[in-house]
Amino acid sequence: MIVRLVILTLIQVCFLFSQTQIAVVNFVALGVSDDDSKALTNRLMIEMHRTNQFTVLEREMLDKIIEEQKFQLSGCNSDVCLVELGQIANVQQIVGGSISKVGYIYTITARLISVQSGEVVESASFDFAGDIGELMRFGMTNIASQLASIPIPEEVIRGETANTANSIQKKIGSQNFIGTVSDIDGNVYKTVKIGNQIWMAENLKVTHYQNGDKIATGFSHSDWKELTKGAYSNYNDDIKNVNTYGRLYNWYAVSDLRNIVPKGWHVPNDEEWQELELYLGIDSDLLVSRSTRPSERGTNEGEKLKEGMAWVGRNGTNLLGFTALPAGERSFLGKYEDIGLRTYFWTSTEGGEIGYSSRDHAYYRSLSSRWKTITRRGTVQSSGFSVRCIKD
């Protein structure tokens, strides 16, 4: 029995000595309160210990050392300052970083520094759109896993995804959505204010023009590509897709003088889409660029328009409440394509890339599950795309 206890004690001692001794300094607070920053830092200490890679110097002990040595901790976030503090605390590595908040987004950056060499051993970053309580639950485990070079727990990844989407929708619902509008069929659409514009936050579903005339539908693939009049389709000819994705309209319906949109609204033109793109953060020079790929606009502005969970890859943040869904298209050949992968929105502006006739082409915008950019191109007017409306 005694031998077993001795062996177990030796194992525990060896395990402790195999762990790296670290200290974690209170993160710099940018746009968050000092109390929140301290609480998140304390949670990180716990999560670092749980990785079984580190022995973490207790907060009280670190504070006592700082007080005894009269060390000036305020503003100590440079590598040199952190190394100096690590030497005083007699640890092998030290963690420093910052916690910031801009809009709905929390950003955590952290680095693990060798006290002996002054080099950054590991660095970590994490963006989170949600409540600070959810950041406490998921973000600090994520950061600790990155710094320890171990896999992020699967339950943390699932929790980040679900809670981020739920939090964003909750915030958007209370701050960006401003009301509803109804079409002639009685369909009700949420509306959202983005900059100085008011947009529908859902795709159009209407089946009648404003004067009560029916919009034509029910065309085969071969008939669809020959159309020169307004028409709509339900994706895959399945009415079950309408509630989620709306309907797909050719440009002839968009431009019909009988008007497919609710009174007081219209289909946005190319310039109004450019105004939205400017608000999203795309440089004005890129909006009219004729470079090698003039159609791809911005870097991550497209993901700000996309709903977070419906897309393959789940790469939307929907920060503005536009809630774009991957509704796919009915191509000018009549084929249904890209549901779950892409969405296409008509503008009311005729035209296309250089070399195309403006007479039978019109501009559109598209978003992809693969890219975070916004695409602007022109295509033939018999294509079937989604329609978003903007208030007059």
Foldseek 3Di string as FASTA:
>chain_A
DVVVVVVVVVVVVVLQVQAFEEEEDQEAEAADDSVLSNLLSVLLQVLLVVVSRHDYDDPVLLVVLCVVVVPDPVPQADLVSQLVSCVSSVGQKYKYWHWYDDQQKIKTKMFIAGSVPSDTPFIDMDIARADSVLCSVQVSNRRSCRRSVHDRDPVSVVSRQVRRLVRLCVVCVVPFFDAWDAAPVGDIFIWGDQPNWIWTLAWAAFQAFNVGHGFAEDDALQRLLVDPAKHKAQFVNDCVRCVHHHIWIFLNQLQDPSHRDHPQKHFAALVVVVVNVVSLPWDPCLSPDPPPASFWTDAQSQLCQARQPQAVLSSHNVNRSSHDAQRFWQASSRHTDGHNFKAKEFHNQFDFPPPDDSVFKGWIWMDGSVGNTIGIGIDGRSIIHTTMMIGD
